[in-house]
N, C-alpha and C. Protein backbone atom coordinates (compact mmCIF):
# COMPACT_ATOMS: atom_id res chain seq x y z
N MET A 1 -11.57 -6.13 5.46
CA MET A 1 -10.97 -6.50 6.72
C MET A 1 -10.40 -5.25 7.36
N LYS A 2 -10.61 -5.08 8.66
CA LYS A 2 -10.15 -3.88 9.33
C LYS A 2 -9.13 -4.24 10.39
N LYS A 3 -8.15 -3.41 10.57
CA LYS A 3 -7.07 -3.65 11.52
C LYS A 3 -6.89 -2.44 12.41
N LYS A 4 -6.60 -2.70 13.68
CA LYS A 4 -6.20 -1.62 14.56
C LYS A 4 -4.83 -1.10 14.12
N SER A 5 -4.60 0.16 14.35
CA SER A 5 -3.33 0.73 13.94
C SER A 5 -2.21 0.42 14.93
N ASN A 6 -2.54 -0.11 16.13
CA ASN A 6 -1.50 -0.36 17.13
C ASN A 6 -1.15 -1.83 17.26
N LYS A 7 -1.51 -2.63 16.28
CA LYS A 7 -1.20 -4.06 16.31
C LYS A 7 -0.16 -4.39 15.27
N PRO A 8 0.73 -5.38 15.54
CA PRO A 8 1.70 -5.78 14.52
C PRO A 8 1.00 -6.32 13.29
N LEU A 9 1.64 -6.18 12.16
CA LEU A 9 1.10 -6.71 10.91
C LEU A 9 0.99 -8.21 11.01
N LEU A 10 -0.20 -8.76 10.79
CA LEU A 10 -0.41 -10.19 10.91
C LEU A 10 0.07 -10.91 9.67
N ILE A 11 0.40 -12.18 9.85
CA ILE A 11 0.95 -12.97 8.76
C ILE A 11 -0.10 -13.26 7.69
N GLU A 12 -1.39 -12.98 7.98
CA GLU A 12 -2.42 -13.27 6.98
C GLU A 12 -2.18 -12.51 5.68
N PHE A 13 -1.49 -11.34 5.75
CA PHE A 13 -1.18 -10.58 4.56
C PHE A 13 0.11 -11.05 3.92
N PHE A 14 0.87 -11.83 4.65
CA PHE A 14 2.21 -12.21 4.23
C PHE A 14 2.26 -13.66 3.80
N ASP A 15 2.98 -13.93 2.75
CA ASP A 15 3.48 -15.26 2.54
C ASP A 15 4.42 -15.52 3.71
N SER A 16 4.35 -16.69 4.35
CA SER A 16 5.17 -16.94 5.53
C SER A 16 6.66 -16.79 5.22
N ARG A 17 7.04 -17.09 3.98
CA ARG A 17 8.44 -16.94 3.58
C ARG A 17 8.85 -15.48 3.60
N LEU A 18 7.97 -14.59 3.13
CA LEU A 18 8.26 -13.17 3.14
C LEU A 18 8.37 -12.66 4.57
N PHE A 19 7.51 -13.16 5.45
CA PHE A 19 7.57 -12.75 6.85
C PHE A 19 8.92 -13.10 7.45
N ASP A 20 9.45 -14.28 7.11
CA ASP A 20 10.76 -14.69 7.59
C ASP A 20 11.86 -13.78 7.07
N LEU A 21 11.67 -13.25 5.86
CA LEU A 21 12.70 -12.41 5.22
C LEU A 21 12.61 -10.95 5.64
N ALA A 22 11.51 -10.56 6.28
CA ALA A 22 11.32 -9.16 6.65
C ALA A 22 12.36 -8.73 7.69
N VAL A 23 12.86 -7.50 7.56
CA VAL A 23 13.83 -6.98 8.53
C VAL A 23 13.14 -6.70 9.86
N ASP A 24 11.98 -6.02 9.83
CA ASP A 24 11.26 -5.66 11.05
C ASP A 24 9.94 -6.40 11.09
N LYS A 25 9.86 -7.43 11.94
CA LYS A 25 8.65 -8.25 12.02
C LYS A 25 7.62 -7.66 12.98
N LEU A 26 7.97 -6.62 13.71
CA LEU A 26 7.05 -6.04 14.68
C LEU A 26 6.45 -4.71 14.21
N VAL A 27 6.71 -4.35 12.96
CA VAL A 27 6.17 -3.10 12.44
C VAL A 27 4.65 -3.17 12.41
N THR A 28 3.99 -2.06 12.74
CA THR A 28 2.53 -2.03 12.76
C THR A 28 1.98 -1.69 11.38
N VAL A 29 0.70 -1.95 11.22
CA VAL A 29 0.04 -1.62 9.95
C VAL A 29 0.10 -0.11 9.70
N LYS A 30 -0.11 0.65 10.76
CA LYS A 30 -0.08 2.11 10.62
C LYS A 30 1.30 2.59 10.18
N GLU A 31 2.35 2.00 10.78
CA GLU A 31 3.70 2.38 10.41
C GLU A 31 4.00 2.00 8.96
N MET A 32 3.53 0.82 8.56
CA MET A 32 3.73 0.40 7.17
C MET A 32 3.04 1.34 6.20
N GLU A 33 1.82 1.75 6.56
CA GLU A 33 1.09 2.67 5.69
C GLU A 33 1.86 3.98 5.54
N GLY A 34 2.43 4.46 6.65
CA GLY A 34 3.18 5.70 6.61
C GLY A 34 4.43 5.61 5.75
N MET A 35 5.08 4.43 5.76
CA MET A 35 6.30 4.26 4.96
C MET A 35 6.00 3.97 3.49
N GLY A 36 4.76 3.55 3.23
CA GLY A 36 4.36 3.22 1.85
C GLY A 36 4.44 1.74 1.59
N TRP A 37 3.27 1.09 1.47
CA TRP A 37 3.28 -0.35 1.29
C TRP A 37 2.94 -0.79 -0.13
N MET A 38 2.96 0.18 -1.06
CA MET A 38 2.84 -0.22 -2.46
C MET A 38 4.16 -0.84 -2.90
N ASP A 39 4.13 -1.52 -4.04
CA ASP A 39 5.31 -2.23 -4.53
C ASP A 39 6.48 -1.25 -4.64
N GLY A 40 7.57 -1.56 -3.95
CA GLY A 40 8.73 -0.69 -3.94
C GLY A 40 8.71 0.36 -2.85
N GLY A 41 7.66 0.36 -2.01
CA GLY A 41 7.55 1.33 -0.93
C GLY A 41 8.50 1.05 0.21
N GLY A 42 8.66 2.03 1.12
CA GLY A 42 9.59 1.91 2.22
C GLY A 42 9.19 0.88 3.26
N ALA A 43 7.94 0.40 3.23
CA ALA A 43 7.49 -0.58 4.21
C ALA A 43 8.13 -1.94 3.99
N TRP A 44 8.63 -2.17 2.79
CA TRP A 44 9.19 -3.48 2.47
C TRP A 44 10.71 -3.44 2.59
N GLU A 45 11.22 -3.99 3.68
CA GLU A 45 12.66 -4.10 3.87
C GLU A 45 13.00 -5.57 4.08
N TRP A 46 13.97 -6.07 3.30
CA TRP A 46 14.27 -7.50 3.32
C TRP A 46 15.71 -7.76 3.74
N ARG A 47 15.94 -8.93 4.30
CA ARG A 47 17.29 -9.31 4.73
C ARG A 47 18.19 -9.67 3.56
N ARG A 48 17.60 -9.95 2.41
CA ARG A 48 18.37 -10.26 1.21
C ARG A 48 17.53 -9.88 -0.01
N ARG A 49 18.14 -9.96 -1.17
CA ARG A 49 17.42 -9.68 -2.41
C ARG A 49 16.40 -10.78 -2.67
N LEU A 50 15.19 -10.38 -3.07
CA LEU A 50 14.10 -11.34 -3.27
C LEU A 50 14.23 -12.06 -4.60
N LEU A 51 13.75 -13.32 -4.61
CA LEU A 51 13.66 -14.07 -5.85
C LEU A 51 12.42 -13.63 -6.62
N ALA A 52 12.29 -14.09 -7.85
CA ALA A 52 11.18 -13.63 -8.71
C ALA A 52 9.83 -13.98 -8.10
N TRP A 53 9.67 -15.20 -7.59
CA TRP A 53 8.37 -15.59 -7.03
C TRP A 53 8.08 -14.85 -5.73
N GLU A 54 9.14 -14.46 -5.00
CA GLU A 54 8.95 -13.69 -3.77
C GLU A 54 8.51 -12.26 -4.10
N GLU A 55 9.08 -11.70 -5.18
CA GLU A 55 8.66 -10.37 -5.61
C GLU A 55 7.19 -10.38 -6.03
N GLU A 56 6.76 -11.48 -6.65
CA GLU A 56 5.36 -11.61 -7.03
C GLU A 56 4.46 -11.63 -5.80
N SER A 57 4.91 -12.30 -4.73
CA SER A 57 4.15 -12.33 -3.48
C SER A 57 4.04 -10.95 -2.86
N VAL A 58 5.11 -10.15 -2.95
CA VAL A 58 5.08 -8.79 -2.43
C VAL A 58 4.05 -7.96 -3.20
N THR A 59 4.02 -8.14 -4.51
CA THR A 59 3.03 -7.42 -5.33
C THR A 59 1.62 -7.79 -4.91
N ASN A 60 1.39 -9.09 -4.65
CA ASN A 60 0.06 -9.54 -4.20
C ASN A 60 -0.29 -8.95 -2.85
N CYS A 61 0.69 -8.91 -1.93
CA CYS A 61 0.45 -8.31 -0.61
C CYS A 61 0.11 -6.83 -0.75
N SER A 62 0.85 -6.13 -1.60
CA SER A 62 0.60 -4.70 -1.81
C SER A 62 -0.81 -4.47 -2.33
N PHE A 63 -1.24 -5.36 -3.23
CA PHE A 63 -2.58 -5.24 -3.79
C PHE A 63 -3.65 -5.42 -2.71
N LEU A 64 -3.43 -6.39 -1.80
CA LEU A 64 -4.38 -6.63 -0.71
C LEU A 64 -4.43 -5.45 0.25
N LEU A 65 -3.28 -4.86 0.54
CA LEU A 65 -3.20 -3.78 1.51
C LEU A 65 -3.68 -2.44 0.95
N HIS A 66 -3.75 -2.33 -0.37
CA HIS A 66 -4.06 -1.05 -1.01
C HIS A 66 -5.40 -0.49 -0.56
N ASP A 67 -6.40 -1.35 -0.41
CA ASP A 67 -7.76 -0.88 -0.08
C ASP A 67 -8.07 -0.93 1.42
N ILE A 68 -7.08 -1.21 2.26
CA ILE A 68 -7.31 -1.26 3.69
C ILE A 68 -7.49 0.15 4.24
N VAL A 69 -8.56 0.34 5.02
CA VAL A 69 -8.81 1.62 5.68
C VAL A 69 -8.61 1.42 7.17
N LEU A 70 -7.67 2.15 7.75
CA LEU A 70 -7.37 1.99 9.17
C LEU A 70 -8.38 2.76 10.01
N GLN A 71 -8.93 2.08 11.03
CA GLN A 71 -9.89 2.69 11.94
C GLN A 71 -9.47 2.33 13.36
N ASP A 72 -9.13 3.35 14.15
CA ASP A 72 -8.59 3.12 15.49
C ASP A 72 -9.56 2.37 16.41
N ARG A 73 -10.86 2.59 16.26
CA ARG A 73 -11.82 1.98 17.18
C ARG A 73 -12.47 0.71 16.63
N ALA A 74 -12.04 0.27 15.47
CA ALA A 74 -12.61 -0.96 14.90
C ALA A 74 -12.00 -2.18 15.58
N PRO A 75 -12.81 -3.21 15.88
CA PRO A 75 -12.27 -4.42 16.54
C PRO A 75 -11.31 -5.17 15.62
N ASN A 76 -10.27 -5.70 16.21
CA ASN A 76 -9.25 -6.44 15.47
C ASN A 76 -9.58 -7.92 15.58
N ARG A 77 -10.26 -8.48 14.60
CA ARG A 77 -10.68 -9.87 14.69
C ARG A 77 -10.81 -10.48 13.31
N TRP A 78 -10.77 -11.82 13.29
CA TRP A 78 -10.99 -12.57 12.06
C TRP A 78 -12.49 -12.56 11.75
N ARG A 79 -12.80 -12.65 10.47
CA ARG A 79 -14.21 -12.73 10.07
C ARG A 79 -14.39 -13.91 9.14
N TRP A 80 -15.27 -14.84 9.49
CA TRP A 80 -15.57 -16.02 8.69
C TRP A 80 -16.67 -15.67 7.72
N LEU A 81 -16.36 -15.65 6.42
CA LEU A 81 -17.29 -15.14 5.42
C LEU A 81 -18.54 -16.01 5.28
N LEU A 82 -18.45 -17.31 5.61
CA LEU A 82 -19.63 -18.17 5.50
C LEU A 82 -20.66 -17.88 6.58
N ASP A 83 -20.22 -17.32 7.71
CA ASP A 83 -21.13 -16.96 8.80
C ASP A 83 -20.51 -15.79 9.55
N THR A 84 -20.83 -14.57 9.12
CA THR A 84 -20.20 -13.38 9.70
C THR A 84 -20.71 -13.07 11.10
N VAL A 85 -21.82 -13.70 11.52
CA VAL A 85 -22.38 -13.44 12.86
C VAL A 85 -21.77 -14.39 13.89
N ALA A 86 -21.95 -15.70 13.69
CA ALA A 86 -21.48 -16.69 14.67
C ALA A 86 -20.01 -17.03 14.48
N GLY A 87 -19.49 -16.80 13.27
CA GLY A 87 -18.10 -17.12 13.02
C GLY A 87 -17.92 -18.56 12.56
N TYR A 88 -16.67 -19.02 12.61
CA TYR A 88 -16.33 -20.35 12.10
C TYR A 88 -16.87 -21.45 12.98
N SER A 89 -17.34 -22.52 12.33
CA SER A 89 -17.70 -23.75 13.04
C SER A 89 -17.49 -24.92 12.10
N VAL A 90 -17.12 -26.06 12.66
CA VAL A 90 -16.94 -27.27 11.85
C VAL A 90 -18.26 -27.66 11.20
N LYS A 91 -19.35 -27.55 11.97
CA LYS A 91 -20.68 -27.91 11.46
C LYS A 91 -21.04 -27.05 10.25
N GLY A 92 -20.82 -25.74 10.36
CA GLY A 92 -21.16 -24.85 9.26
C GLY A 92 -20.33 -25.12 8.02
N THR A 93 -19.05 -25.41 8.23
CA THR A 93 -18.18 -25.73 7.10
C THR A 93 -18.59 -27.02 6.44
N TYR A 94 -18.93 -28.03 7.25
CA TYR A 94 -19.38 -29.31 6.70
C TYR A 94 -20.67 -29.14 5.88
N GLN A 95 -21.59 -28.35 6.41
CA GLN A 95 -22.85 -28.11 5.69
C GLN A 95 -22.58 -27.42 4.36
N TYR A 96 -21.65 -26.47 4.35
CA TYR A 96 -21.33 -25.77 3.11
C TYR A 96 -20.75 -26.74 2.08
N ILE A 97 -19.83 -27.58 2.52
CA ILE A 97 -19.17 -28.50 1.59
C ILE A 97 -20.14 -29.53 1.04
N THR A 98 -21.06 -30.00 1.88
CA THR A 98 -21.96 -31.08 1.45
C THR A 98 -23.22 -30.59 0.77
N THR A 99 -23.56 -29.31 0.88
CA THR A 99 -24.83 -28.84 0.30
C THR A 99 -24.66 -27.85 -0.83
N THR A 100 -23.49 -27.20 -0.92
CA THR A 100 -23.33 -26.17 -1.95
C THR A 100 -23.30 -26.79 -3.35
N ASP A 101 -23.85 -26.07 -4.30
CA ASP A 101 -23.83 -26.51 -5.70
C ASP A 101 -22.50 -26.17 -6.37
N ASN A 102 -21.77 -25.24 -5.76
CA ASN A 102 -20.51 -24.82 -6.36
C ASN A 102 -19.40 -25.78 -5.96
N SER A 103 -18.72 -26.32 -6.94
CA SER A 103 -17.60 -27.20 -6.63
C SER A 103 -16.47 -26.37 -6.05
N LEU A 104 -15.74 -26.94 -5.11
CA LEU A 104 -14.62 -26.23 -4.51
C LEU A 104 -13.55 -25.98 -5.57
N GLU A 105 -13.13 -24.76 -5.65
CA GLU A 105 -12.20 -24.38 -6.71
C GLU A 105 -10.80 -24.88 -6.41
N ARG A 106 -10.17 -25.48 -7.38
CA ARG A 106 -8.79 -25.92 -7.26
C ARG A 106 -7.94 -25.18 -8.28
N GLY A 107 -6.66 -25.13 -7.99
CA GLY A 107 -5.75 -24.51 -8.95
C GLY A 107 -5.78 -25.29 -10.25
N ARG A 108 -5.55 -24.59 -11.35
CA ARG A 108 -5.63 -25.23 -12.66
C ARG A 108 -4.64 -26.38 -12.80
N PHE A 109 -3.51 -26.26 -12.13
CA PHE A 109 -2.45 -27.23 -12.34
C PHE A 109 -2.20 -28.11 -11.11
N ASP A 110 -3.15 -28.14 -10.16
CA ASP A 110 -2.96 -28.96 -8.96
C ASP A 110 -2.89 -30.45 -9.28
N VAL A 111 -3.33 -30.81 -10.47
CA VAL A 111 -3.33 -32.22 -10.86
C VAL A 111 -1.92 -32.78 -10.97
N VAL A 112 -0.90 -31.93 -10.99
CA VAL A 112 0.47 -32.43 -11.08
C VAL A 112 0.87 -33.20 -9.83
N TRP A 113 0.17 -32.96 -8.72
CA TRP A 113 0.53 -33.64 -7.46
C TRP A 113 -0.21 -34.96 -7.37
N GLN A 114 0.38 -35.99 -7.95
CA GLN A 114 -0.20 -37.34 -7.97
C GLN A 114 0.77 -38.30 -7.29
N ARG A 115 0.22 -39.22 -6.51
CA ARG A 115 1.07 -40.19 -5.81
C ARG A 115 1.80 -41.12 -6.78
N GLN A 116 1.20 -41.33 -7.96
CA GLN A 116 1.81 -42.24 -8.93
C GLN A 116 2.99 -41.61 -9.66
N VAL A 117 3.15 -40.30 -9.53
CA VAL A 117 4.21 -39.58 -10.24
C VAL A 117 5.36 -39.31 -9.26
N PRO A 118 6.60 -39.57 -9.66
CA PRO A 118 7.74 -39.25 -8.78
C PRO A 118 7.71 -37.79 -8.36
N LEU A 119 8.05 -37.53 -7.10
CA LEU A 119 7.97 -36.17 -6.56
C LEU A 119 8.80 -35.18 -7.36
N LYS A 120 10.00 -35.59 -7.79
CA LYS A 120 10.85 -34.64 -8.52
C LYS A 120 10.22 -34.25 -9.85
N VAL A 121 9.43 -35.15 -10.45
CA VAL A 121 8.73 -34.83 -11.69
C VAL A 121 7.62 -33.83 -11.41
N SER A 122 6.87 -34.06 -10.32
CA SER A 122 5.79 -33.13 -9.95
C SER A 122 6.34 -31.75 -9.64
N VAL A 123 7.46 -31.69 -8.90
CA VAL A 123 8.07 -30.40 -8.56
C VAL A 123 8.53 -29.67 -9.81
N PHE A 124 9.19 -30.40 -10.72
CA PHE A 124 9.65 -29.79 -11.97
C PHE A 124 8.46 -29.25 -12.76
N THR A 125 7.39 -30.05 -12.87
CA THR A 125 6.21 -29.63 -13.64
C THR A 125 5.55 -28.41 -13.01
N TRP A 126 5.43 -28.43 -11.68
CA TRP A 126 4.83 -27.30 -10.96
C TRP A 126 5.63 -26.02 -11.21
N ARG A 127 6.95 -26.12 -11.13
CA ARG A 127 7.81 -24.95 -11.37
C ARG A 127 7.72 -24.50 -12.83
N LEU A 128 7.66 -25.45 -13.75
CA LEU A 128 7.55 -25.13 -15.16
C LEU A 128 6.26 -24.37 -15.46
N LEU A 129 5.14 -24.86 -14.93
CA LEU A 129 3.84 -24.25 -15.22
C LEU A 129 3.71 -22.86 -14.62
N ARG A 130 4.48 -22.58 -13.58
CA ARG A 130 4.45 -21.26 -12.95
C ARG A 130 5.66 -20.40 -13.34
N ASP A 131 6.39 -20.85 -14.33
CA ASP A 131 7.56 -20.13 -14.83
C ASP A 131 8.55 -19.83 -13.71
N ARG A 132 8.87 -20.87 -12.93
CA ARG A 132 9.81 -20.72 -11.82
C ARG A 132 11.13 -21.48 -12.07
N LEU A 133 11.33 -21.95 -13.27
CA LEU A 133 12.58 -22.64 -13.59
C LEU A 133 13.70 -21.61 -13.80
N PRO A 134 14.95 -21.97 -13.49
CA PRO A 134 16.06 -21.02 -13.66
C PRO A 134 16.50 -20.89 -15.12
N THR A 135 15.57 -20.51 -15.98
CA THR A 135 15.93 -20.25 -17.37
C THR A 135 16.74 -18.96 -17.43
N ARG A 136 17.41 -18.74 -18.53
CA ARG A 136 18.24 -17.53 -18.64
C ARG A 136 17.38 -16.26 -18.60
N ASP A 137 16.17 -16.35 -19.12
CA ASP A 137 15.26 -15.20 -19.07
C ASP A 137 14.91 -14.87 -17.61
N ASN A 138 14.61 -15.89 -16.80
CA ASN A 138 14.30 -15.64 -15.39
C ASN A 138 15.53 -15.15 -14.62
N LEU A 139 16.69 -15.70 -14.93
CA LEU A 139 17.91 -15.28 -14.26
C LEU A 139 18.23 -13.82 -14.57
N LEU A 140 17.89 -13.38 -15.80
CA LEU A 140 18.08 -11.98 -16.17
C LEU A 140 17.19 -11.08 -15.32
N HIS A 141 15.90 -11.47 -15.16
CA HIS A 141 14.97 -10.67 -14.37
C HIS A 141 15.35 -10.62 -12.90
N ARG A 142 16.06 -11.62 -12.42
CA ARG A 142 16.52 -11.62 -11.02
C ARG A 142 17.85 -10.90 -10.84
N GLY A 143 18.42 -10.42 -11.94
CA GLY A 143 19.68 -9.71 -11.86
C GLY A 143 20.89 -10.60 -11.68
N ILE A 144 20.77 -11.89 -12.03
CA ILE A 144 21.88 -12.82 -11.84
C ILE A 144 22.80 -12.84 -13.05
N ILE A 145 22.23 -12.67 -14.25
CA ILE A 145 23.05 -12.62 -15.46
C ILE A 145 22.74 -11.33 -16.22
N HIS A 146 23.56 -11.03 -17.20
CA HIS A 146 23.39 -9.81 -18.01
C HIS A 146 22.59 -10.11 -19.27
N GLN A 147 22.13 -9.04 -19.91
CA GLN A 147 21.28 -9.14 -21.10
C GLN A 147 21.93 -9.95 -22.21
N ASP A 148 23.24 -9.86 -22.34
CA ASP A 148 23.90 -10.55 -23.45
C ASP A 148 24.07 -12.05 -23.21
N GLY A 149 23.58 -12.54 -22.06
CA GLY A 149 23.73 -13.97 -21.78
C GLY A 149 22.41 -14.71 -21.74
N THR A 150 21.39 -14.22 -22.47
CA THR A 150 20.06 -14.82 -22.39
C THR A 150 19.71 -15.72 -23.57
N SER A 151 20.65 -15.90 -24.50
CA SER A 151 20.35 -16.73 -25.68
C SER A 151 20.19 -18.19 -25.27
N CYS A 152 19.32 -18.89 -25.99
CA CYS A 152 19.01 -20.30 -25.71
C CYS A 152 20.28 -21.16 -25.74
N ILE A 153 20.37 -22.07 -24.81
CA ILE A 153 21.53 -22.96 -24.71
C ILE A 153 21.61 -23.91 -25.91
N GLY A 154 20.48 -24.07 -26.61
CA GLY A 154 20.46 -24.93 -27.79
C GLY A 154 21.15 -24.32 -28.99
N GLY A 155 21.49 -23.03 -28.92
CA GLY A 155 22.22 -22.38 -30.00
C GLY A 155 21.35 -21.86 -31.12
N CYS A 156 20.02 -21.77 -30.88
CA CYS A 156 19.13 -21.30 -31.94
C CYS A 156 19.05 -19.78 -32.02
N GLY A 157 19.60 -19.08 -31.01
CA GLY A 157 19.63 -17.62 -31.04
C GLY A 157 18.45 -16.95 -30.39
N SER A 158 17.40 -17.69 -30.04
CA SER A 158 16.23 -17.09 -29.39
C SER A 158 16.49 -16.89 -27.90
N SER A 159 15.64 -16.08 -27.26
CA SER A 159 15.73 -15.88 -25.82
C SER A 159 15.30 -17.16 -25.11
N GLU A 160 16.04 -17.53 -24.06
CA GLU A 160 15.78 -18.80 -23.37
C GLU A 160 14.71 -18.61 -22.31
N THR A 161 13.45 -18.82 -22.70
CA THR A 161 12.33 -18.86 -21.76
C THR A 161 11.89 -20.30 -21.60
N ALA A 162 11.06 -20.55 -20.58
CA ALA A 162 10.58 -21.92 -20.37
C ALA A 162 9.76 -22.39 -21.56
N ALA A 163 8.88 -21.53 -22.07
CA ALA A 163 8.04 -21.91 -23.21
C ALA A 163 8.90 -22.21 -24.43
N HIS A 164 9.95 -21.42 -24.64
CA HIS A 164 10.82 -21.66 -25.78
C HIS A 164 11.53 -23.00 -25.65
N LEU A 165 12.13 -23.26 -24.48
CA LEU A 165 12.88 -24.51 -24.28
C LEU A 165 12.00 -25.74 -24.46
N ILE A 166 10.82 -25.70 -23.86
CA ILE A 166 9.97 -26.89 -23.82
C ILE A 166 9.21 -27.09 -25.13
N LEU A 167 8.81 -26.00 -25.79
CA LEU A 167 7.91 -26.14 -26.94
C LEU A 167 8.50 -25.69 -28.28
N GLN A 168 9.24 -24.59 -28.29
CA GLN A 168 9.57 -23.94 -29.56
C GLN A 168 11.00 -24.15 -30.04
N CYS A 169 11.89 -24.55 -29.15
CA CYS A 169 13.29 -24.69 -29.53
C CYS A 169 13.47 -25.82 -30.55
N ASP A 170 14.27 -25.55 -31.60
CA ASP A 170 14.52 -26.55 -32.63
C ASP A 170 15.24 -27.78 -32.07
N VAL A 171 16.00 -27.58 -30.99
CA VAL A 171 16.76 -28.69 -30.41
C VAL A 171 15.91 -29.46 -29.40
N PHE A 172 15.40 -28.76 -28.38
CA PHE A 172 14.70 -29.44 -27.29
C PHE A 172 13.20 -29.59 -27.55
N GLY A 173 12.58 -28.57 -28.14
CA GLY A 173 11.14 -28.63 -28.39
C GLY A 173 10.76 -29.68 -29.42
N SER A 174 11.72 -30.09 -30.24
CA SER A 174 11.42 -31.07 -31.29
C SER A 174 11.12 -32.46 -30.73
N MET A 175 11.41 -32.67 -29.45
CA MET A 175 11.15 -34.00 -28.86
C MET A 175 9.67 -34.34 -28.89
N TRP A 176 8.79 -33.29 -28.88
CA TRP A 176 7.35 -33.57 -28.87
C TRP A 176 6.91 -34.29 -30.14
N HIS A 177 7.57 -34.03 -31.25
CA HIS A 177 7.24 -34.74 -32.48
C HIS A 177 7.37 -36.25 -32.27
N TYR A 178 8.43 -36.66 -31.58
CA TYR A 178 8.67 -38.08 -31.33
C TYR A 178 7.69 -38.63 -30.28
N VAL A 179 7.34 -37.81 -29.32
CA VAL A 179 6.36 -38.24 -28.30
C VAL A 179 5.01 -38.49 -28.96
N TYR A 180 4.57 -37.56 -29.81
CA TYR A 180 3.28 -37.72 -30.48
C TYR A 180 3.28 -38.96 -31.36
N ARG A 181 4.37 -39.17 -32.07
CA ARG A 181 4.46 -40.33 -32.95
C ARG A 181 4.46 -41.63 -32.13
N TRP A 182 5.12 -41.59 -30.97
CA TRP A 182 5.20 -42.77 -30.10
C TRP A 182 3.82 -43.16 -29.56
N VAL A 183 3.01 -42.16 -29.15
CA VAL A 183 1.67 -42.47 -28.63
C VAL A 183 0.62 -42.55 -29.73
N GLY A 184 1.03 -42.26 -30.97
CA GLY A 184 0.13 -42.44 -32.09
C GLY A 184 -0.94 -41.39 -32.24
N ILE A 185 -0.60 -40.12 -32.01
CA ILE A 185 -1.60 -39.06 -32.17
C ILE A 185 -1.05 -37.99 -33.10
N SER A 186 -1.98 -37.27 -33.73
CA SER A 186 -1.63 -36.12 -34.55
C SER A 186 -1.99 -34.89 -33.74
N PHE A 187 -1.03 -34.02 -33.51
CA PHE A 187 -1.24 -32.95 -32.54
C PHE A 187 -0.43 -31.73 -32.93
N ILE A 188 -1.05 -30.54 -32.85
CA ILE A 188 -0.35 -29.29 -33.06
C ILE A 188 -0.16 -28.65 -31.68
N ALA A 189 1.06 -28.48 -31.26
CA ALA A 189 1.35 -27.99 -29.91
C ALA A 189 0.91 -26.55 -29.75
N PRO A 190 0.20 -26.23 -28.65
CA PRO A 190 -0.15 -24.83 -28.36
C PRO A 190 1.10 -24.00 -28.10
N ALA A 191 0.92 -22.69 -28.07
CA ALA A 191 2.07 -21.78 -27.95
C ALA A 191 2.55 -21.63 -26.51
N THR A 192 1.71 -21.94 -25.52
CA THR A 192 2.09 -21.75 -24.12
C THR A 192 2.20 -23.09 -23.42
N VAL A 193 3.03 -23.11 -22.37
CA VAL A 193 3.22 -24.35 -21.61
C VAL A 193 1.93 -24.77 -20.92
N GLY A 194 1.20 -23.79 -20.34
CA GLY A 194 -0.04 -24.12 -19.64
C GLY A 194 -1.09 -24.72 -20.57
N ALA A 195 -1.25 -24.14 -21.76
CA ALA A 195 -2.21 -24.67 -22.72
C ALA A 195 -1.78 -26.05 -23.19
N HIS A 196 -0.50 -26.26 -23.38
CA HIS A 196 0.01 -27.56 -23.79
C HIS A 196 -0.28 -28.61 -22.72
N PHE A 197 -0.06 -28.24 -21.47
CA PHE A 197 -0.33 -29.16 -20.36
C PHE A 197 -1.80 -29.58 -20.34
N GLN A 198 -2.69 -28.61 -20.50
CA GLN A 198 -4.12 -28.91 -20.45
C GLN A 198 -4.57 -29.74 -21.65
N HIS A 199 -4.08 -29.41 -22.84
CA HIS A 199 -4.50 -30.15 -24.03
C HIS A 199 -3.89 -31.54 -24.06
N PHE A 200 -2.60 -31.62 -23.81
CA PHE A 200 -1.94 -32.91 -23.88
C PHE A 200 -2.39 -33.83 -22.75
N GLY A 201 -2.66 -33.24 -21.58
CA GLY A 201 -3.14 -34.05 -20.45
C GLY A 201 -4.49 -34.66 -20.71
């Protein structure tokens, strides 16, 4: 994708939340390149300290911008990859969806969004699978607590991560033994939350 150097940075590179948090929303791509748009570069100025998932979005943006080559005379336009000549059309998109052999790719954990499941359960599961819960380990990485306050709340002495709380903790993780017995299955829990979700599901 090519951008003119005299146009403001478009939101296509930005998570919309990051765009809202940016100090200068009118900065150009050329100006950002000059300030440094790699992770931690001067191009990234925020109105407040970023959360962990927001920092991850910045890293993704930096990765996308890394290979951009600025060309002053290149047209500034969107390009539809399914038809680079004529561009986007409803007809072309419909034909692609109905004739392609490739199934449309979905996120591995999109199945958590079910109408039969209470929304708060889906939100909790989505945050858990993406390690977005306010565990002590995550709070440490965000600079909210100190290193000496990361021990599991269950008192087992291990670091409090989502995987530890849900699967490995002697206090909280032991509930799975009762769940398996209740549904009548013999099961060895995987080491990661994502693998557990896929196997148990």
